[in-house]
Amino acid sequence: MIAIGAASTPFERRAEAAIAAIPGWAGRPGRYALAAAPIASPTHRAVAADCLRVAIEGEAPAFLKVSHDDMAGDVLPWAGAAAARAAACGVGPAVIAAGPGVLALEWLPEPWAYARVGDLQPHAATASVLDAKARLHASGPLGHEFSPFARAAALGREARAAGAPLPADLDRLLAAADLARAALAAAGADRTFCHNDGIASNVMRDSAGGLRLVDFDLAGDNDPWFDVGALLNEVYEFDADRRALIEHRAGTCREALFARTRLYGFVDDLMWGLWGITRAVTSGRPGIEFFKYGQWRLLRARTTLGHREFETWLRIL
């Protein structure tokens, strides 16, 4: 680890400036190190922020996120409040401090580790994540809304403006998202506090069965079935698995609920696909495979849109 005050690279100077901005840390001895290297494919983690392990003398170690300027639009202004809500619900790490561009959290030491998709494929593992997200939902609205449809549309506009390599079928994908948005709006939903991120790596697990949700950059009030649909879309290939977990969450798997989760999985893929191809152009950091990740998510969105039941899902909500 690097001693505070010994910064010699742009990364280290940026890290030390962020450490000094945390109340109670400025001027105190300690050490820090990179906690997670950025990666966009095959999953994405640690790309919106530098992730540091910080050890201030006399304090428990902390996990510090320092947001990147090229990802400013990917972290909602209330992300710190959302992380604090998750901690209060007992499903997120404790928040030490939050401010513009910085978030300090309780450090989760080994054997805590982030989940891979395969870790969550046993039904019991996915069920435990759904149960944790249900605790968020039960806490009531946060007071800030999030719409995956609005975010997908905004990313489509940003992609065009940035000159990103657009897929030939982008208009068709966005039109299908508009149809899904209209169908879901007509069906109605009560909005409450949601994680809004189904990526497996945002689930932390330990060897004793403990679980914490992390990364509340997009958290906000939404239909809780978006959380279900995004997670099932991340973890499972087959409908039988999806149906079993919907039954766990709802007590039964009604066709309308199944359709809702499949449509939300579609827009989640579209949203992250457009994010990937856009950040490949707008991010100034080389070596992160944004475009590859975006192409994979757009391929999966096309696969869902091409499913023979897609129009049926729109009709039975």
C-alpha atoms as a PDB file:
ATOM      1  CA  MET A   1       0.000   0.000   0.000  1.00  0.00           C
ATOM      2  CA  ILE A   2       1.058   3.620  -0.569  1.00  0.00           C
ATOM      3  CA  ALA A   3       1.641   5.951   2.355  1.00  0.00           C
ATOM      4  CA  ILE A   4      -0.525   9.066   2.304  1.00  0.00           C
ATOM      5  CA  GLY A   5       1.716  11.947   1.289  1.00  0.00           C
ATOM      6  CA  ALA A   6       3.910   9.879  -1.022  1.00  0.00           C
ATOM      7  CA  ALA A   7       1.850  10.382  -4.207  1.00  0.00           C
ATOM      8  CA  SER A   8       3.962  10.432  -7.377  1.00  0.00           C
ATOM      9  CA  THR A   9       1.484   9.599 -10.185  1.00  0.00           C
ATOM     10  CA  PRO A  10      -1.755  11.233 -11.382  1.00  0.00           C
ATOM     11  CA  PHE A  11      -3.730   8.298  -9.944  1.00  0.00           C
ATOM     12  CA  GLU A  12      -2.063   8.652  -6.544  1.00  0.00           C
ATOM     13  CA  ARG A  13      -2.559  12.420  -6.451  1.00  0.00           C
ATOM     14  CA  ARG A  14      -6.229  11.961  -7.355  1.00  0.00           C
ATOM     15  CA  ALA A  15      -6.579   9.328  -4.636  1.00  0.00           C
ATOM     16  CA  GLU A  16      -4.974  11.516  -1.987  1.00  0.00           C
ATOM     17  CA  ALA A  17      -7.121  14.512  -2.917  1.00  0.00           C
ATOM     18  CA  ALA A  18     -10.222  12.337  -2.456  1.00  0.00           C
ATOM     19  CA  ILE A  19      -8.953  10.978   0.876  1.00  0.00           C
ATOM     20  CA  ALA A  20      -8.343  14.523   2.103  1.00  0.00           C
ATOM     21  CA  ALA A  21     -11.970  15.411   1.220  1.00  0.00           C
ATOM     22  CA  ILE A  22     -13.397  12.833   3.645  1.00  0.00           C
ATOM     23  CA  PRO A  23     -14.312  14.451   6.982  1.00  0.00           C
ATOM     24  CA  GLY A  24     -11.903  13.350   9.705  1.00  0.00           C
ATOM     25  CA  TRP A  25      -9.330  11.903   7.302  1.00  0.00           C
ATOM     26  CA  ALA A  26      -7.480  15.009   6.130  1.00  0.00           C
ATOM     27  CA  GLY A  27      -3.972  15.331   7.530  1.00  0.00           C
ATOM     28  CA  ARG A  28      -3.998  11.938   9.217  1.00  0.00           C
ATOM     29  CA  PRO A  29      -1.428   9.235   8.483  1.00  0.00           C
ATOM     30  CA  GLY A  30      -2.540   6.160   6.627  1.00  0.00           C
ATOM     31  CA  ARG A  31      -2.108   4.076   3.508  1.00  0.00           C
ATOM     32  CA  TYR A  32      -4.135   3.246   0.397  1.00  0.00           C
ATOM     33  CA  ALA A  33      -4.152   0.940  -2.617  1.00  0.00           C
ATOM     34  CA  LEU A  34      -6.258   0.132  -5.657  1.00  0.00           C
ATOM     35  CA  ALA A  35      -8.993  -2.252  -4.491  1.00  0.00           C
ATOM     36  CA  ALA A  36     -10.442  -3.284  -7.865  1.00  0.00           C
ATOM     37  CA  ALA A  37      -9.091  -2.906 -11.386  1.00  0.00           C
ATOM     38  CA  PRO A  38     -11.576  -1.547 -13.964  1.00  0.00           C
ATOM     39  CA  ILE A  39     -13.075  -4.097 -16.332  1.00  0.00           C
ATOM     40  CA  ALA A  40     -15.980  -3.807 -18.772  1.00  0.00           C
ATOM     41  CA  SER A  41     -16.131  -7.301 -20.291  1.00  0.00           C
ATOM     42  CA  PRO A  42     -17.371  -9.953 -19.722  1.00  0.00           C
ATOM     43  CA  THR A  43     -18.950  -8.121 -16.776  1.00  0.00           C
ATOM     44  CA  HIS A  44     -18.384  -4.538 -15.780  1.00  0.00           C
ATOM     45  CA  ARG A  45     -17.056  -3.357 -12.455  1.00  0.00           C
ATOM     46  CA  ALA A  46     -14.968  -0.466 -11.115  1.00  0.00           C
ATOM     47  CA  VAL A  47     -15.351   1.559 -14.327  1.00  0.00           C
ATOM     48  CA  ALA A  48     -17.390   4.516 -13.025  1.00  0.00           C
ATOM     49  CA  ALA A  49     -14.929   5.197 -10.203  1.00  0.00           C
ATOM     50  CA  ASP A  50     -11.469   4.419  -8.919  1.00  0.00           C
ATOM     51  CA  CYS A  51     -11.996   1.926  -6.104  1.00  0.00           C
ATOM     52  CA  LEU A  52      -9.528   2.179  -3.222  1.00  0.00           C
ATOM     53  CA  ARG A  53      -8.778   0.393   0.013  1.00  0.00           C
ATOM     54  CA  VAL A  54      -7.940   3.074   2.573  1.00  0.00           C
ATOM     55  CA  ALA A  55      -6.461   2.438   6.012  1.00  0.00           C
ATOM     56  CA  ILE A  56      -6.355   5.565   8.192  1.00  0.00           C
ATOM     57  CA  GLU A  57      -4.434   5.058  11.429  1.00  0.00           C
ATOM     58  CA  GLY A  58      -6.828   4.345  14.262  1.00  0.00           C
ATOM     59  CA  GLU A  59      -9.754   3.627  11.916  1.00  0.00           C
ATOM     60  CA  ALA A  60     -11.190   0.460  10.418  1.00  0.00           C
ATOM     61  CA  PRO A  61     -10.257   0.004   6.734  1.00  0.00           C
ATOM     62  CA  ALA A  62     -12.621   1.613   4.245  1.00  0.00           C
ATOM     63  CA  PHE A  63     -13.617   1.200   0.602  1.00  0.00           C
ATOM     64  CA  LEU A  64     -13.443   4.537  -1.218  1.00  0.00           C
ATOM     65  CA  LYS A  65     -15.055   5.249  -4.590  1.00  0.00           C
ATOM     66  CA  VAL A  66     -13.725   8.266  -6.507  1.00  0.00           C
ATOM     67  CA  SER A  67     -15.917   8.950  -9.536  1.00  0.00           C
ATOM     68  CA  HIS A  68     -14.405   9.561 -12.968  1.00  0.00           C
ATOM     69  CA  ASP A  69     -15.367  12.736 -14.816  1.00  0.00           C
ATOM     70  CA  ASP A  70     -16.051  10.734 -17.997  1.00  0.00           C
ATOM     71  CA  MET A  71     -18.695   8.733 -16.088  1.00  0.00           C
ATOM     72  CA  ALA A  72     -20.424  11.680 -14.422  1.00  0.00           C
ATOM     73  CA  GLY A  73     -23.727  10.864 -16.089  1.00  0.00           C
ATOM     74  CA  ASP A  74     -23.601   7.281 -14.847  1.00  0.00           C
ATOM     75  CA  VAL A  75     -23.786   8.157 -11.153  1.00  0.00           C
ATOM     76  CA  LEU A  76     -27.023   9.749  -9.977  1.00  0.00           C
ATOM     77  CA  PRO A  77     -26.729  12.712  -7.588  1.00  0.00           C
ATOM     78  CA  TRP A  78     -28.476  10.829  -4.776  1.00  0.00           C
ATOM     79  CA  ALA A  79     -26.270   7.695  -5.001  1.00  0.00           C
ATOM     80  CA  GLY A  80     -24.811   8.346  -1.544  1.00  0.00           C
ATOM     81  CA  ALA A  81     -28.266   8.619   0.014  1.00  0.00           C
ATOM     82  CA  ALA A  82     -29.291   5.424  -1.774  1.00  0.00           C
ATOM     83  CA  ALA A  83     -26.261   3.569  -0.401  1.00  0.00           C
ATOM     84  CA  ALA A  84     -27.115   4.820   3.092  1.00  0.00           C
ATOM     85  CA  ARG A  85     -30.706   3.582   2.684  1.00  0.00           C
ATOM     86  CA  ALA A  86     -29.411   0.147   1.662  1.00  0.00           C
ATOM     87  CA  ALA A  87     -27.173   0.050   4.728  1.00  0.00           C
ATOM     88  CA  ALA A  88     -30.125   0.996   6.929  1.00  0.00           C
ATOM     89  CA  CYS A  89     -32.064  -1.893   5.374  1.00  0.00           C
ATOM     90  CA  GLY A  90     -29.279  -4.250   6.424  1.00  0.00           C
ATOM     91  CA  VAL A  91     -28.337  -5.240   2.872  1.00  0.00           C
ATOM     92  CA  GLY A  92     -25.547  -2.789   2.033  1.00  0.00           C
ATOM     93  CA  PRO A  93     -22.195  -1.911   3.613  1.00  0.00           C
ATOM     94  CA  ALA A  94     -22.212   0.956   6.093  1.00  0.00           C
ATOM     95  CA  VAL A  95     -21.636   4.418   4.637  1.00  0.00           C
ATOM     96  CA  ILE A  96     -18.767   6.307   6.276  1.00  0.00           C
ATOM     97  CA  ALA A  97     -19.013   9.495   4.229  1.00  0.00           C
ATOM     98  CA  ALA A  98     -20.536  10.689   0.969  1.00  0.00           C
ATOM     99  CA  GLY A  99     -19.969  13.799  -1.086  1.00  0.00           C
ATOM    100  CA  PRO A 100     -19.767  14.997  -4.696  1.00  0.00           C
ATOM    101  CA  GLY A 101     -17.797  12.354  -6.548  1.00  0.00           C
ATOM    102  CA  VAL A 102     -16.714  10.399  -3.452  1.00  0.00           C
ATOM    103  CA  LEU A 103     -18.265   7.649  -1.373  1.00  0.00           C
ATOM    104  CA  ALA A 104     -16.564   5.922   1.556  1.00  0.00           C
ATOM    105  CA  LEU A 105     -17.972   2.578   2.675  1.00  0.00           C
ATOM    106  CA  GLU A 106     -17.291  -0.115   5.213  1.00  0.00           C
ATOM    107  CA  TRP A 107     -14.559  -2.457   3.951  1.00  0.00           C
ATOM    108  CA  LEU A 108     -15.686  -6.048   3.416  1.00  0.00           C
ATOM    109  CA  PRO A 109     -12.592  -8.200   4.011  1.00  0.00           C
ATOM    110  CA  GLU A 110     -11.986 -11.740   2.783  1.00  0.00           C
ATOM    111  CA  PRO A 111     -13.757 -14.109   2.532  1.00  0.00           C
ATOM    112  CA  TRP A 112     -16.145 -11.506   1.117  1.00  0.00           C
ATOM    113  CA  ALA A 113     -15.920 -11.500  -2.693  1.00  0.00           C
ATOM    114  CA  TYR A 114     -17.988 -10.240  -5.581  1.00  0.00           C
ATOM    115  CA  ALA A 115     -20.266 -12.761  -7.274  1.00  0.00           C
ATOM    116  CA  ARG A 116     -19.890 -14.147 -10.778  1.00  0.00           C
ATOM    117  CA  VAL A 117     -22.939 -15.223 -12.762  1.00  0.00           C
ATOM    118  CA  GLY A 118     -22.200 -18.875 -12.022  1.00  0.00           C
ATOM    119  CA  ASP A 119     -22.200 -18.181  -8.285  1.00  0.00           C
ATOM    120  CA  LEU A 120     -25.816 -17.018  -8.516  1.00  0.00           C
ATOM    121  CA  GLN A 121     -27.189 -19.768 -10.754  1.00  0.00           C
ATOM    122  CA  PRO A 122     -28.215 -22.123  -7.948  1.00  0.00           C
ATOM    123  CA  HIS A 123     -31.798 -21.071  -7.286  1.00  0.00           C
ATOM    124  CA  ALA A 124     -31.123 -20.608  -3.574  1.00  0.00           C
ATOM    125  CA  ALA A 125     -28.378 -18.083  -4.353  1.00  0.00           C
ATOM    126  CA  THR A 126     -30.603 -16.008  -6.639  1.00  0.00           C
ATOM    127  CA  ALA A 127     -33.427 -16.257  -4.111  1.00  0.00           C
ATOM    128  CA  SER A 128     -31.193 -14.739  -1.434  1.00  0.00           C
ATOM    129  CA  VAL A 129     -30.407 -11.790  -3.716  1.00  0.00           C
ATOM    130  CA  LEU A 130     -34.095 -11.310  -4.505  1.00  0.00           C
ATOM    131  CA  ASP A 131     -34.841 -11.379  -0.774  1.00  0.00           C
ATOM    132  CA  ALA A 132     -32.221  -8.675  -0.166  1.00  0.00           C
ATOM    133  CA  LYS A 133     -33.695  -6.509  -2.909  1.00  0.00           C
ATOM    134  CA  ALA A 134     -37.165  -7.088  -1.470  1.00  0.00           C
ATOM    135  CA  ARG A 135     -35.931  -5.452   1.752  1.00  0.00           C
ATOM    136  CA  LEU A 136     -35.044  -2.367  -0.278  1.00  0.00           C
ATOM    137  CA  HIS A 137     -38.485  -2.398  -1.886  1.00  0.00           C
ATOM    138  CA  ALA A 138     -40.211  -2.711   1.479  1.00  0.00           C
ATOM    139  CA  SER A 139     -38.454   0.426   2.771  1.00  0.00           C
ATOM    140  CA  GLY A 140     -40.670   2.693   0.661  1.00  0.00           C
ATOM    141  CA  PRO A 141     -39.837   5.355  -1.920  1.00  0.00           C
ATOM    142  CA  LEU A 142     -36.539   7.221  -1.797  1.00  0.00           C
ATOM    143  CA  GLY A 143     -38.031  10.343  -3.375  1.00  0.00           C
ATOM    144  CA  HIS A 144     -35.986  10.196  -6.601  1.00  0.00           C
ATOM    145  CA  GLU A 145     -37.264   8.301  -9.624  1.00  0.00           C
ATOM    146  CA  PHE A 146     -35.283   6.220 -12.089  1.00  0.00           C
ATOM    147  CA  SER A 147     -36.585   5.043 -15.475  1.00  0.00           C
ATOM    148  CA  PRO A 148     -34.594   2.478 -17.471  1.00  0.00           C
ATOM    149  CA  PHE A 149     -36.591   3.500 -20.539  1.00  0.00           C
ATOM    150  CA  ALA A 150     -35.647   7.167 -20.180  1.00  0.00           C
ATOM    151  CA  ARG A 151     -32.026   6.199 -19.597  1.00  0.00           C
ATOM    152  CA  ALA A 152     -31.948   3.973 -22.692  1.00  0.00           C
ATOM    153  CA  ALA A 153     -33.454   6.770 -24.808  1.00  0.00           C
ATOM    154  CA  ALA A 154     -30.975   9.313 -23.404  1.00  0.00           C
ATOM    155  CA  LEU A 155     -28.053   6.984 -24.117  1.00  0.00           C
ATOM    156  CA  GLY A 156     -29.326   6.545 -27.673  1.00  0.00           C
ATOM    157  CA  ARG A 157     -29.256  10.331 -28.146  1.00  0.00           C
ATOM    158  CA  GLU A 158     -25.815  10.548 -26.542  1.00  0.00           C
ATOM    159  CA  ALA A 159     -24.508   7.768 -28.790  1.00  0.00           C
ATOM    160  CA  ARG A 160     -25.648   9.648 -31.885  1.00  0.00           C
ATOM    161  CA  ALA A 161     -24.227  12.955 -30.682  1.00  0.00           C
ATOM    162  CA  ALA A 162     -20.887  11.354 -29.816  1.00  0.00           C
ATOM    163  CA  GLY A 163     -20.547   9.632 -33.178  1.00  0.00           C
ATOM    164  CA  ALA A 164     -20.582   6.172 -31.589  1.00  0.00           C
ATOM    165  CA  PRO A 165     -20.704   3.185 -33.979  1.00  0.00           C
ATOM    166  CA  LEU A 166     -24.466   2.709 -33.956  1.00  0.00           C
ATOM    167  CA  PRO A 167     -26.060  -0.650 -34.741  1.00  0.00           C
ATOM    168  CA  ALA A 168     -28.109  -0.670 -37.927  1.00  0.00           C
ATOM    169  CA  ASP A 169     -31.215  -1.742 -35.999  1.00  0.00           C
ATOM    170  CA  LEU A 170     -30.994   0.937 -33.284  1.00  0.00           C
ATOM    171  CA  ASP A 171     -34.263   2.622 -34.294  1.00  0.00           C
ATOM    172  CA  ARG A 172     -36.052  -0.736 -34.189  1.00  0.00           C
ATOM    173  CA  LEU A 173     -34.673  -1.496 -30.720  1.00  0.00           C
ATOM    174  CA  LEU A 174     -35.647   1.911 -29.373  1.00  0.00           C
ATOM    175  CA  ALA A 175     -39.116   1.646 -30.925  1.00  0.00           C
ATOM    176  CA  ALA A 176     -39.610  -1.711 -29.218  1.00  0.00           C
ATOM    177  CA  ALA A 177     -38.539  -0.153 -25.920  1.00  0.00           C
ATOM    178  CA  ASP A 178     -41.161   2.557 -26.422  1.00  0.00           C
ATOM    179  CA  LEU A 179     -43.810  -0.132 -26.948  1.00  0.00           C
ATOM    180  CA  ALA A 180     -42.709  -1.894 -23.774  1.00  0.00           C
ATOM    181  CA  ARG A 181     -42.731   1.379 -21.831  1.00  0.00           C
ATOM    182  CA  ALA A 182     -46.282   2.146 -22.995  1.00  0.00           C
ATOM    183  CA  ALA A 183     -47.537  -1.361 -22.206  1.00  0.00           C
ATOM    184  CA  LEU A 184     -46.001  -1.354 -18.731  1.00  0.00           C
ATOM    185  CA  ALA A 185     -47.299   2.153 -18.014  1.00  0.00           C
ATOM    186  CA  ALA A 186     -50.803   1.060 -19.021  1.00  0.00           C
ATOM    187  CA  ALA A 187     -50.564  -1.949 -16.721  1.00  0.00           C
ATOM    188  CA  GLY A 188     -49.409   0.267 -13.845  1.00  0.00           C
ATOM    189  CA  ALA A 189     -46.968  -0.296 -10.999  1.00  0.00           C
ATOM    190  CA  ASP A 190     -46.288   1.111  -7.550  1.00  0.00           C
ATOM    191  CA  ARG A 191     -42.834   2.639  -7.417  1.00  0.00           C
ATOM    192  CA  THR A 192     -40.490   2.142  -4.514  1.00  0.00           C
ATOM    193  CA  PHE A 193     -36.773   2.166  -3.739  1.00  0.00           C
ATOM    194  CA  CYS A 194     -34.933  -0.155  -6.151  1.00  0.00           C
ATOM    195  CA  HIS A 195     -31.331  -1.161  -6.783  1.00  0.00           C
ATOM    196  CA  ASN A 196     -31.814  -0.815 -10.566  1.00  0.00           C
ATOM    197  CA  ASP A 197     -28.679  -2.850 -11.254  1.00  0.00           C
ATOM    198  CA  GLY A 198     -28.763  -6.576 -11.950  1.00  0.00           C
ATOM    199  CA  ILE A 199     -25.042  -7.074 -12.558  1.00  0.00           C
ATOM    200  CA  ALA A 200     -23.759 -10.118 -10.652  1.00  0.00           C
ATOM    201  CA  SER A 201     -20.584  -8.332  -9.521  1.00  0.00           C
ATOM    202  CA  ASN A 202     -22.683  -5.904  -7.487  1.00  0.00           C
ATOM    203  CA  VAL A 203     -23.536  -8.758  -5.127  1.00  0.00           C
ATOM    204  CA  MET A 204     -20.956  -9.433  -2.409  1.00  0.00           C
ATOM    205  CA  ARG A 205     -20.986 -12.861  -0.732  1.00  0.00           C
ATOM    206  CA  ASP A 206     -18.998 -14.549   2.011  1.00  0.00           C
ATOM    207  CA  SER A 207     -18.370 -18.197   2.830  1.00  0.00           C
ATOM    208  CA  ALA A 208     -20.923 -18.175   5.666  1.00  0.00           C
ATOM    209  CA  GLY A 209     -23.843 -17.204   3.440  1.00  0.00           C
ATOM    210  CA  GLY A 210     -23.652 -13.466   4.088  1.00  0.00           C
ATOM    211  CA  LEU A 211     -24.781 -11.133   1.323  1.00  0.00           C
ATOM    212  CA  ARG A 212     -24.455  -7.415   0.643  1.00  0.00           C
ATOM    213  CA  LEU A 213     -25.604  -5.366  -2.319  1.00  0.00           C
ATOM    214  CA  VAL A 214     -23.215  -2.702  -3.600  1.00  0.00           C
ATOM    215  CA  ASP A 215     -23.127   0.005  -6.287  1.00  0.00           C
ATOM    216  CA  PHE A 216     -26.198   2.176  -5.890  1.00  0.00           C
ATOM    217  CA  ASP A 217     -25.164   4.596  -8.648  1.00  0.00           C
ATOM    218  CA  LEU A 218     -28.499   4.131 -10.473  1.00  0.00           C
ATOM    219  CA  ALA A 219     -30.702   3.391  -7.469  1.00  0.00           C
ATOM    220  CA  GLY A 220     -34.013   5.184  -7.174  1.00  0.00           C
ATOM    221  CA  ASP A 221     -37.755   4.739  -7.221  1.00  0.00           C
ATOM    222  CA  ASN A 222     -38.938   2.284  -9.850  1.00  0.00           C
ATOM    223  CA  ASP A 223     -41.169  -0.739 -10.380  1.00  0.00           C
ATOM    224  CA  PRO A 224     -39.622  -3.412  -8.101  1.00  0.00           C
ATOM    225  CA  TRP A 225     -40.178  -5.971 -10.838  1.00  0.00           C
ATOM    226  CA  PHE A 226     -37.446  -4.229 -12.816  1.00  0.00           C
ATOM    227  CA  ASP A 227     -34.998  -5.415 -10.152  1.00  0.00           C
ATOM    228  CA  VAL A 228     -36.342  -8.946 -10.572  1.00  0.00           C
ATOM    229  CA  GLY A 229     -36.290  -8.861 -14.365  1.00  0.00           C
ATOM    230  CA  ALA A 230     -32.775  -7.395 -14.590  1.00  0.00           C
ATOM    231  CA  LEU A 231     -31.350  -9.968 -12.174  1.00  0.00           C
ATOM    232  CA  LEU A 232     -33.027 -12.965 -13.845  1.00  0.00           C
ATOM    233  CA  ASN A 233     -31.872 -11.670 -17.226  1.00  0.00           C
ATOM    234  CA  GLU A 234     -28.303 -11.533 -15.917  1.00  0.00           C
ATOM    235  CA  VAL A 235     -28.264 -14.989 -14.347  1.00  0.00           C
ATOM    236  CA  TYR A 236     -30.467 -17.364 -16.358  1.00  0.00           C
ATOM    237  CA  GLU A 237     -30.810 -18.543 -19.936  1.00  0.00           C
ATOM    238  CA  PHE A 238     -33.951 -20.672 -19.563  1.00  0.00           C
ATOM    239  CA  ASP A 239     -37.525 -19.732 -18.765  1.00  0.00           C
ATOM    240  CA  ALA A 240     -38.001 -22.586 -16.305  1.00  0.00           C
ATOM    241  CA  ASP A 241     -35.354 -21.023 -14.045  1.00  0.00           C
ATOM    242  CA  ARG A 242     -36.920 -17.583 -14.389  1.00  0.00           C
ATOM    243  CA  ARG A 243     -40.349 -18.931 -13.543  1.00  0.00           C
ATOM    244  CA  ALA A 244     -39.089 -20.714 -10.437  1.00  0.00           C
ATOM    245  CA  LEU A 245     -37.551 -17.516  -9.077  1.00  0.00           C
ATOM    246  CA  ILE A 246     -40.617 -15.426  -9.904  1.00  0.00           C
ATOM    247  CA  GLU A 247     -42.616 -17.966  -7.917  1.00  0.00           C
ATOM    248  CA  HIS A 248     -40.171 -17.532  -5.022  1.00  0.00           C
ATOM    249  CA  ARG A 249     -40.644 -13.766  -5.129  1.00  0.00           C
ATOM    250  CA  ALA A 250     -44.398 -13.643  -5.686  1.00  0.00           C
ATOM    251  CA  GLY A 251     -45.680 -16.994  -4.423  1.00  0.00           C
ATOM    252  CA  THR A 252     -46.844 -17.862  -7.922  1.00  0.00           C
ATOM    253  CA  CYS A 253     -45.659 -17.203 -11.466  1.00  0.00           C
ATOM    254  CA  ARG A 254     -48.514 -15.474 -13.224  1.00  0.00           C
ATOM    255  CA  GLU A 255     -48.012 -14.980 -16.960  1.00  0.00           C
ATOM    256  CA  ALA A 256     -48.325 -11.207 -16.568  1.00  0.00           C
ATOM    257  CA  LEU A 257     -45.447 -11.191 -14.076  1.00  0.00           C
ATOM    258  CA  PHE A 258     -43.330 -13.377 -16.327  1.00  0.00           C
ATOM    259  CA  ALA A 259     -44.000 -11.019 -19.249  1.00  0.00           C
ATOM    260  CA  ARG A 260     -43.106  -8.007 -17.088  1.00  0.00           C
ATOM    261  CA  THR A 261     -39.739  -9.481 -16.128  1.00  0.00           C
ATOM    262  CA  ARG A 262     -38.905 -10.418 -19.716  1.00  0.00           C
ATOM    263  CA  LEU A 263     -39.695  -6.901 -20.977  1.00  0.00           C
ATOM    264  CA  TYR A 264     -37.623  -5.381 -18.213  1.00  0.00           C
ATOM    265  CA  GLY A 265     -34.767  -7.720 -19.106  1.00  0.00           C
ATOM    266  CA  PHE A 266     -34.988  -6.465 -22.689  1.00  0.00           C
ATOM    267  CA  VAL A 267     -34.733  -2.796 -21.759  1.00  0.00           C
ATOM    268  CA  ASP A 268     -31.937  -3.540 -19.277  1.00  0.00           C
ATOM    269  CA  ASP A 269     -29.918  -5.134 -22.087  1.00  0.00           C
ATOM    270  CA  LEU A 270     -30.687  -2.213 -24.394  1.00  0.00           C
ATOM    271  CA  MET A 271     -29.712   0.338 -21.738  1.00  0.00           C
ATOM    272  CA  TRP A 272     -26.361  -1.289 -20.941  1.00  0.00           C
ATOM    273  CA  GLY A 273     -25.678  -2.056 -24.595  1.00  0.00           C
ATOM    274  CA  LEU A 274     -26.026   1.601 -25.512  1.00  0.00           C
ATOM    275  CA  TRP A 275     -23.940   2.533 -22.478  1.00  0.00           C
ATOM    276  CA  GLY A 276     -21.117   0.299 -23.688  1.00  0.00           C
ATOM    277  CA  ILE A 277     -20.940   1.564 -27.260  1.00  0.00           C
ATOM    278  CA  THR A 278     -21.260   5.170 -26.067  1.00  0.00           C
ATOM    279  CA  ARG A 279     -18.602   4.975 -23.360  1.00  0.00           C
ATOM    280  CA  ALA A 280     -16.257   3.356 -25.874  1.00  0.00           C
ATOM    281  CA  VAL A 281     -16.233   6.776 -27.550  1.00  0.00           C
ATOM    282  CA  THR A 282     -16.746   9.208 -24.676  1.00  0.00           C
ATOM    283  CA  SER A 283     -14.387   7.684 -22.098  1.00  0.00           C
ATOM    284  CA  GLY A 284     -10.799   8.849 -22.308  1.00  0.00           C
ATOM    285  CA  ARG A 285      -9.452   5.703 -20.653  1.00  0.00           C
ATOM    286  CA  PRO A 286      -8.017   3.145 -23.085  1.00  0.00           C
ATOM    287  CA  GLY A 287      -7.925  -0.581 -22.543  1.00  0.00           C
ATOM    288  CA  ILE A 288     -11.418  -0.956 -21.050  1.00  0.00           C
ATOM    289  CA  GLU A 289     -13.592  -3.068 -23.340  1.00  0.00           C
ATOM    290  CA  PHE A 290     -16.716  -0.909 -23.302  1.00  0.00           C
ATOM    291  CA  PHE A 291     -17.571  -1.632 -26.941  1.00  0.00           C
ATOM    292  CA  LYS A 292     -17.290  -5.392 -26.555  1.00  0.00           C
ATOM    293  CA  TYR A 293     -19.574  -5.335 -23.520  1.00  0.00           C
ATOM    294  CA  GLY A 294     -22.074  -3.090 -25.293  1.00  0.00           C
ATOM    295  CA  GLN A 295     -22.200  -5.362 -28.337  1.00  0.00           C
ATOM    296  CA  TRP A 296     -22.899  -8.389 -26.146  1.00  0.00           C
ATOM    297  CA  ARG A 297     -25.771  -6.673 -24.356  1.00  0.00           C
ATOM    298  CA  LEU A 298     -27.270  -5.418 -27.638  1.00  0.00           C
ATOM    299  CA  LEU A 299     -27.078  -8.936 -29.075  1.00  0.00           C
ATOM    300  CA  ARG A 300     -29.039 -10.233 -26.122  1.00  0.00           C
ATOM    301  CA  ALA A 301     -31.602  -7.415 -26.504  1.00  0.00           C
ATOM    302  CA  ARG A 302     -32.095  -8.452 -30.138  1.00  0.00           C
ATOM    303  CA  THR A 303     -32.530 -12.061 -29.095  1.00  0.00           C
ATOM    304  CA  THR A 304     -35.304 -11.099 -26.672  1.00  0.00           C
ATOM    305  CA  LEU A 305     -36.967  -8.823 -29.208  1.00  0.00           C
ATOM    306  CA  GLY A 306     -36.909 -11.655 -31.747  1.00  0.00           C
ATOM    307  CA  HIS A 307     -38.573 -14.103 -29.359  1.00  0.00           C
ATOM    308  CA  ARG A 308     -41.843 -15.428 -30.738  1.00  0.00           C
ATOM    309  CA  GLU A 309     -43.632 -14.367 -27.552  1.00  0.00           C
ATOM    310  CA  PHE A 310     -42.431 -10.742 -27.448  1.00  0.00           C
ATOM    311  CA  GLU A 311     -45.708  -9.306 -28.762  1.00  0.00           C
ATOM    312  CA  THR A 312     -47.658 -11.585 -26.435  1.00  0.00           C
ATOM    313  CA  TRP A 313     -45.699 -10.197 -23.479  1.00  0.00           C
ATOM    314  CA  LEU A 314     -46.731  -6.688 -24.510  1.00  0.00           C
ATOM    315  CA  ARG A 315     -50.400  -7.702 -24.588  1.00  0.00           C
ATOM    316  CA  ILE A 316     -50.827  -9.708 -21.391  1.00  0.00           C
ATOM    317  CA  LEU A 317     -49.445  -7.284 -18.813  1.00  0.00           C
END
